[in-house]
N, C-alpha and C. Protein backbone atom coordinates (compact mmCIF):
# COMPACT_ATOMS: atom_id res chain seq x y z
N VAL A 1 63.71 -313.71 -35.67
CA VAL A 1 64.33 -313.27 -36.89
C VAL A 1 65.27 -314.39 -37.37
N ALA A 2 65.24 -314.70 -38.63
CA ALA A 2 65.95 -315.83 -39.19
C ALA A 2 67.46 -315.76 -38.98
N GLU A 3 68.03 -314.56 -39.03
CA GLU A 3 69.49 -314.43 -38.90
C GLU A 3 70.01 -314.89 -37.53
N PHE A 4 69.13 -314.89 -36.52
CA PHE A 4 69.58 -315.22 -35.17
C PHE A 4 69.26 -316.67 -34.76
N GLN A 5 68.74 -317.45 -35.67
CA GLN A 5 68.43 -318.83 -35.35
C GLN A 5 69.71 -319.66 -35.31
N LYS A 6 69.70 -320.71 -34.53
CA LYS A 6 70.89 -321.55 -34.38
C LYS A 6 71.31 -322.21 -35.69
N ALA A 7 70.41 -322.36 -36.62
CA ALA A 7 70.75 -323.00 -37.89
C ALA A 7 71.81 -322.19 -38.64
N SER A 8 71.92 -320.91 -38.34
CA SER A 8 72.90 -320.08 -39.03
C SER A 8 74.20 -319.98 -38.23
N ALA A 9 74.47 -320.97 -37.39
CA ALA A 9 75.69 -320.98 -36.60
C ALA A 9 76.89 -321.12 -37.52
N ARG A 10 78.03 -320.66 -37.05
CA ARG A 10 79.23 -320.69 -37.88
C ARG A 10 79.69 -322.13 -38.09
N THR A 11 80.30 -322.37 -39.21
CA THR A 11 80.86 -323.68 -39.47
C THR A 11 82.31 -323.68 -39.00
N PRO A 12 82.74 -324.75 -38.36
CA PRO A 12 84.12 -324.79 -37.85
C PRO A 12 85.13 -324.76 -38.99
N LYS A 13 86.26 -324.13 -38.73
CA LYS A 13 87.32 -324.06 -39.73
C LYS A 13 88.15 -325.33 -39.67
N THR A 14 88.70 -325.69 -40.80
CA THR A 14 89.58 -326.84 -40.85
C THR A 14 90.96 -326.43 -40.34
N ALA A 15 91.79 -327.40 -40.03
CA ALA A 15 93.15 -327.12 -39.58
C ALA A 15 93.92 -326.36 -40.66
N ILE A 16 93.70 -326.72 -41.91
CA ILE A 16 94.38 -326.04 -43.01
C ILE A 16 93.99 -324.57 -43.06
N GLN A 17 92.71 -324.26 -42.87
CA GLN A 17 92.26 -322.87 -42.87
C GLN A 17 92.84 -322.10 -41.68
N VAL A 18 92.90 -322.75 -40.53
CA VAL A 18 93.44 -322.10 -39.32
C VAL A 18 94.92 -321.79 -39.51
N VAL A 19 95.68 -322.75 -40.00
CA VAL A 19 97.12 -322.54 -40.19
C VAL A 19 97.36 -321.47 -41.27
N GLY A 20 96.59 -321.51 -42.33
CA GLY A 20 96.74 -320.50 -43.39
C GLY A 20 96.48 -319.10 -42.87
N ALA A 21 95.43 -318.93 -42.09
CA ALA A 21 95.12 -317.61 -41.51
C ALA A 21 96.19 -317.19 -40.52
N ALA A 22 96.72 -318.15 -39.76
CA ALA A 22 97.76 -317.83 -38.78
C ALA A 22 99.06 -317.40 -39.48
N ILE A 23 99.38 -318.04 -40.59
CA ILE A 23 100.57 -317.64 -41.35
C ILE A 23 100.38 -316.22 -41.88
N ASP A 24 99.20 -315.91 -42.39
CA ASP A 24 98.91 -314.54 -42.83
C ASP A 24 99.10 -313.54 -41.69
N LYS A 25 98.67 -313.91 -40.50
CA LYS A 25 98.82 -313.05 -39.32
C LYS A 25 100.30 -312.84 -38.99
N GLN A 26 101.10 -313.91 -39.10
CA GLN A 26 102.53 -313.78 -38.82
C GLN A 26 103.21 -312.85 -39.84
N ILE A 27 102.78 -312.91 -41.09
CA ILE A 27 103.32 -312.00 -42.11
C ILE A 27 102.95 -310.56 -41.76
N ASP A 28 101.70 -310.34 -41.33
CA ASP A 28 101.29 -309.00 -40.91
C ASP A 28 102.12 -308.51 -39.73
N LEU A 29 102.35 -309.37 -38.75
CA LEU A 29 103.14 -308.99 -37.58
C LEU A 29 104.59 -308.69 -37.96
N PHE A 30 105.12 -309.42 -38.91
CA PHE A 30 106.49 -309.18 -39.39
C PHE A 30 106.57 -307.82 -40.09
N ASN A 31 105.56 -307.51 -40.91
CA ASN A 31 105.55 -306.25 -41.66
C ASN A 31 105.19 -305.05 -40.79
N LYS A 32 104.56 -305.28 -39.65
CA LYS A 32 104.16 -304.20 -38.73
C LYS A 32 104.72 -304.53 -37.35
N PRO A 33 106.02 -304.29 -37.13
CA PRO A 33 106.66 -304.72 -35.89
C PRO A 33 106.08 -304.12 -34.61
N LYS A 34 105.39 -303.00 -34.69
CA LYS A 34 104.84 -302.38 -33.49
C LYS A 34 103.45 -302.89 -33.14
N GLU A 35 102.87 -303.71 -34.03
CA GLU A 35 101.53 -304.26 -33.79
C GLU A 35 101.58 -305.34 -32.71
N GLU A 36 100.55 -305.36 -31.87
CA GLU A 36 100.45 -306.37 -30.81
C GLU A 36 100.09 -307.72 -31.41
N GLY A 37 100.61 -308.77 -30.81
CA GLY A 37 100.26 -310.11 -31.25
C GLY A 37 101.34 -311.09 -30.89
N ARG A 38 100.96 -312.34 -30.78
CA ARG A 38 101.92 -313.41 -30.46
C ARG A 38 102.68 -313.78 -31.72
N ARG A 39 103.97 -313.69 -31.63
CA ARG A 39 104.82 -313.98 -32.78
C ARG A 39 105.39 -315.38 -32.69
N TRP A 40 105.44 -316.05 -33.84
CA TRP A 40 106.04 -317.37 -33.94
C TRP A 40 107.47 -317.26 -34.45
N PHE A 41 107.98 -316.06 -34.54
CA PHE A 41 109.30 -315.85 -35.09
C PHE A 41 110.11 -314.93 -34.19
N GLU A 42 111.44 -315.02 -34.36
CA GLU A 42 112.36 -314.17 -33.63
C GLU A 42 113.41 -313.68 -34.62
N ILE A 43 113.63 -312.37 -34.61
CA ILE A 43 114.59 -311.77 -35.53
C ILE A 43 115.88 -311.49 -34.77
N LYS A 44 116.99 -311.97 -35.33
CA LYS A 44 118.31 -311.68 -34.78
C LYS A 44 119.21 -311.32 -35.95
N GLY A 45 119.61 -310.06 -36.01
CA GLY A 45 120.44 -309.60 -37.12
C GLY A 45 119.71 -309.71 -38.43
N ASP A 46 120.33 -310.42 -39.37
CA ASP A 46 119.74 -310.57 -40.70
C ASP A 46 118.98 -311.89 -40.87
N ASN A 47 118.76 -312.62 -39.78
CA ASN A 47 118.08 -313.92 -39.84
C ASN A 47 116.81 -313.92 -39.00
N VAL A 48 115.91 -314.79 -39.40
CA VAL A 48 114.66 -314.97 -38.67
C VAL A 48 114.49 -316.46 -38.38
N ALA A 49 114.30 -316.79 -37.11
CA ALA A 49 113.98 -318.16 -36.70
C ALA A 49 112.47 -318.23 -36.49
N PHE A 50 111.85 -319.28 -36.97
CA PHE A 50 110.40 -319.37 -36.84
C PHE A 50 109.94 -320.82 -36.78
N ALA A 51 108.72 -320.98 -36.31
CA ALA A 51 108.02 -322.26 -36.30
C ALA A 51 106.60 -321.99 -36.75
N ILE A 52 105.97 -322.98 -37.33
CA ILE A 52 104.55 -322.90 -37.71
C ILE A 52 103.81 -323.76 -36.71
N ARG A 53 102.77 -323.20 -36.10
CA ARG A 53 102.09 -323.89 -35.01
C ARG A 53 100.62 -324.16 -35.33
N TYR A 54 100.14 -325.25 -34.76
CA TYR A 54 98.71 -325.55 -34.76
C TYR A 54 98.42 -326.28 -33.45
N ALA A 55 97.34 -325.92 -32.81
CA ALA A 55 96.94 -326.53 -31.54
C ALA A 55 98.06 -326.40 -30.51
N ASN A 56 98.72 -325.26 -30.54
CA ASN A 56 99.80 -324.93 -29.62
C ASN A 56 100.99 -325.88 -29.72
N ARG A 57 101.16 -326.48 -30.89
CA ARG A 57 102.29 -327.38 -31.13
C ARG A 57 102.93 -327.01 -32.47
N PRO A 58 104.26 -327.07 -32.53
CA PRO A 58 104.92 -326.75 -33.80
C PRO A 58 104.83 -327.91 -34.80
N LEU A 59 104.69 -327.56 -36.07
CA LEU A 59 104.72 -328.56 -37.12
C LEU A 59 106.17 -328.88 -37.46
N LYS A 60 106.43 -330.10 -37.87
CA LYS A 60 107.77 -330.47 -38.34
C LYS A 60 107.88 -329.99 -39.78
N LEU A 61 108.77 -329.03 -40.00
CA LEU A 61 108.88 -328.39 -41.31
C LEU A 61 109.91 -329.06 -42.22
N VAL A 62 111.04 -329.43 -41.66
CA VAL A 62 112.11 -330.08 -42.43
C VAL A 62 112.57 -331.30 -41.64
N GLY A 63 112.20 -332.48 -42.09
CA GLY A 63 112.52 -333.68 -41.33
C GLY A 63 111.84 -333.63 -39.98
N ASP A 64 112.63 -333.73 -38.91
CA ASP A 64 112.08 -333.63 -37.56
C ASP A 64 112.23 -332.22 -36.98
N GLU A 65 112.75 -331.30 -37.77
CA GLU A 65 112.98 -329.93 -37.29
C GLU A 65 111.69 -329.11 -37.36
N SER A 66 111.38 -328.45 -36.26
CA SER A 66 110.21 -327.58 -36.24
C SER A 66 110.61 -326.11 -36.21
N LEU A 67 111.87 -325.82 -35.93
CA LEU A 67 112.38 -324.45 -35.92
C LEU A 67 113.32 -324.28 -37.11
N VAL A 68 113.01 -323.30 -37.95
CA VAL A 68 113.78 -323.06 -39.16
C VAL A 68 114.32 -321.63 -39.12
N VAL A 69 115.54 -321.44 -39.64
CA VAL A 69 116.14 -320.12 -39.72
C VAL A 69 116.33 -319.78 -41.19
N VAL A 70 115.85 -318.58 -41.57
CA VAL A 70 115.99 -318.10 -42.96
C VAL A 70 116.47 -316.66 -42.93
N PRO A 71 117.05 -316.19 -44.04
CA PRO A 71 117.42 -314.78 -44.11
C PRO A 71 116.17 -313.90 -44.00
N LYS A 72 116.32 -312.79 -43.31
CA LYS A 72 115.20 -311.87 -43.06
C LYS A 72 114.54 -311.43 -44.37
N ALA A 73 115.34 -311.21 -45.40
CA ALA A 73 114.82 -310.74 -46.68
C ALA A 73 113.91 -311.77 -47.36
N GLN A 74 114.05 -313.05 -47.01
CA GLN A 74 113.26 -314.11 -47.63
C GLN A 74 112.14 -314.64 -46.75
N PHE A 75 111.98 -314.08 -45.56
CA PHE A 75 111.02 -314.62 -44.59
C PHE A 75 109.59 -314.67 -45.13
N VAL A 76 109.09 -313.58 -45.67
CA VAL A 76 107.70 -313.54 -46.16
C VAL A 76 107.53 -314.53 -47.31
N GLU A 77 108.51 -314.60 -48.19
CA GLU A 77 108.45 -315.54 -49.31
C GLU A 77 108.40 -316.99 -48.82
N VAL A 78 109.21 -317.31 -47.82
CA VAL A 78 109.23 -318.67 -47.27
C VAL A 78 107.89 -318.98 -46.60
N LEU A 79 107.34 -318.03 -45.82
CA LEU A 79 106.03 -318.28 -45.18
C LEU A 79 104.94 -318.50 -46.22
N ASN A 80 104.96 -317.72 -47.29
CA ASN A 80 103.96 -317.91 -48.35
C ASN A 80 104.11 -319.27 -49.01
N ALA A 81 105.35 -319.74 -49.18
CA ALA A 81 105.58 -321.07 -49.76
C ALA A 81 105.08 -322.16 -48.83
N ILE A 82 105.32 -321.99 -47.53
CA ILE A 82 104.82 -322.98 -46.56
C ILE A 82 103.30 -322.99 -46.55
N LYS A 83 102.69 -321.81 -46.61
CA LYS A 83 101.22 -321.72 -46.64
C LYS A 83 100.69 -322.46 -47.87
N ALA A 84 101.34 -322.28 -49.02
CA ALA A 84 100.91 -322.98 -50.24
C ALA A 84 101.04 -324.50 -50.06
N ASP A 85 102.12 -324.95 -49.42
CA ASP A 85 102.29 -326.37 -49.16
C ASP A 85 101.21 -326.90 -48.22
N VAL A 86 100.88 -326.12 -47.19
CA VAL A 86 99.82 -326.52 -46.26
C VAL A 86 98.51 -326.68 -47.02
N GLU A 87 98.20 -325.73 -47.88
CA GLU A 87 96.95 -325.76 -48.64
C GLU A 87 96.92 -326.91 -49.64
N LYS A 88 98.10 -327.34 -50.12
CA LYS A 88 98.17 -328.47 -51.05
C LYS A 88 98.11 -329.81 -50.32
N GLY A 89 98.22 -329.79 -48.98
CA GLY A 89 98.11 -331.01 -48.20
C GLY A 89 99.44 -331.61 -47.77
N ALA A 90 100.54 -330.88 -47.91
CA ALA A 90 101.85 -331.41 -47.56
C ALA A 90 101.98 -331.73 -46.06
N PHE A 91 101.22 -331.07 -45.23
CA PHE A 91 101.29 -331.28 -43.78
C PHE A 91 100.03 -331.96 -43.25
N LYS A 92 99.26 -332.57 -44.13
CA LYS A 92 97.96 -333.13 -43.75
C LYS A 92 98.06 -334.16 -42.63
N THR A 93 99.05 -335.05 -42.69
CA THR A 93 99.19 -336.09 -41.67
C THR A 93 99.39 -335.46 -40.29
N GLN A 94 100.30 -334.50 -40.21
CA GLN A 94 100.56 -333.83 -38.93
C GLN A 94 99.33 -333.08 -38.44
N LEU A 95 98.68 -332.36 -39.35
CA LEU A 95 97.50 -331.58 -38.96
C LEU A 95 96.35 -332.49 -38.52
N ASP A 96 96.19 -333.63 -39.20
CA ASP A 96 95.13 -334.57 -38.80
C ASP A 96 95.38 -335.11 -37.39
N GLU A 97 96.64 -335.43 -37.08
CA GLU A 97 96.97 -335.92 -35.74
C GLU A 97 96.69 -334.86 -34.68
N LEU A 98 97.10 -333.63 -34.96
CA LEU A 98 96.89 -332.54 -34.00
C LEU A 98 95.41 -332.22 -33.86
N GLU A 99 94.68 -332.27 -34.97
CA GLU A 99 93.24 -331.99 -34.92
C GLU A 99 92.50 -333.07 -34.13
N ALA A 100 92.94 -334.32 -34.24
CA ALA A 100 92.34 -335.40 -33.45
C ALA A 100 92.55 -335.13 -31.96
N GLY A 101 93.72 -334.63 -31.60
CA GLY A 101 93.99 -334.27 -30.20
C GLY A 101 93.10 -333.14 -29.72
N VAL A 102 92.86 -332.16 -30.59
CA VAL A 102 91.98 -331.04 -30.24
C VAL A 102 90.56 -331.56 -30.00
N LYS A 103 90.08 -332.42 -30.88
CA LYS A 103 88.72 -332.97 -30.72
C LYS A 103 88.61 -333.80 -29.44
N LYS A 104 89.65 -334.57 -29.14
CA LYS A 104 89.65 -335.38 -27.93
C LYS A 104 89.59 -334.49 -26.69
N ARG A 105 90.38 -333.41 -26.68
CA ARG A 105 90.35 -332.47 -25.55
C ARG A 105 88.99 -331.79 -25.43
N THR A 106 88.38 -331.45 -26.56
CA THR A 106 87.07 -330.80 -26.54
C THR A 106 86.03 -331.71 -25.91
N VAL A 107 86.03 -332.99 -26.29
CA VAL A 107 85.08 -333.95 -25.73
C VAL A 107 85.34 -334.12 -24.24
N SER A 108 86.61 -334.23 -23.87
CA SER A 108 86.98 -334.40 -22.46
C SER A 108 86.54 -333.19 -21.62
N MET A 109 86.77 -332.00 -22.15
CA MET A 109 86.38 -330.79 -21.42
C MET A 109 84.87 -330.68 -21.29
N ALA A 110 84.14 -331.06 -22.34
CA ALA A 110 82.68 -331.03 -22.28
C ALA A 110 82.17 -332.00 -21.22
N ALA A 111 82.79 -333.17 -21.14
CA ALA A 111 82.38 -334.16 -20.13
C ALA A 111 82.67 -333.64 -18.73
N THR A 112 83.81 -332.99 -18.55
CA THR A 112 84.16 -332.43 -17.25
C THR A 112 83.16 -331.36 -16.84
N ARG A 113 82.82 -330.47 -17.79
CA ARG A 113 81.85 -329.41 -17.49
C ARG A 113 80.49 -330.00 -17.14
N ALA A 114 80.09 -331.02 -17.88
CA ALA A 114 78.79 -331.66 -17.62
C ALA A 114 78.76 -332.29 -16.24
N SER A 115 79.86 -332.90 -15.83
CA SER A 115 79.89 -333.55 -14.52
C SER A 115 79.89 -332.53 -13.39
N LYS A 116 80.40 -331.35 -13.61
CA LYS A 116 80.42 -330.30 -12.58
C LYS A 116 79.05 -329.66 -12.39
N LYS A 117 78.21 -329.73 -13.42
CA LYS A 117 76.88 -329.14 -13.32
C LYS A 117 75.94 -329.96 -12.46
N LYS A 118 76.27 -331.23 -12.25
CA LYS A 118 75.38 -332.12 -11.50
C LYS A 118 75.43 -331.85 -10.04
């Protein structure tokens, strides 16, 4: 059956798509505090500290700072603004570096697996 052929395999997502989807997930987790999931933010009083992550590493959001604190009331608005910046390419250099690391690890892991099969 054509739908099950390897030619219809999924296309890999770009770093920008992954980060955008992850930001959407963080907004969902913020709006639904009882929902299970790994949070990139911590709420203390009226403030929220957060980081945006890709490949298990935080992005530098302001200068060299990767952890930012904003008022709780503005958290969703700030995340949406960061997502828009990511989509416009504002973090492209950082994402390209992290994505290169991911590809390098993938190749290394594949080589390790191949050597263990022998």
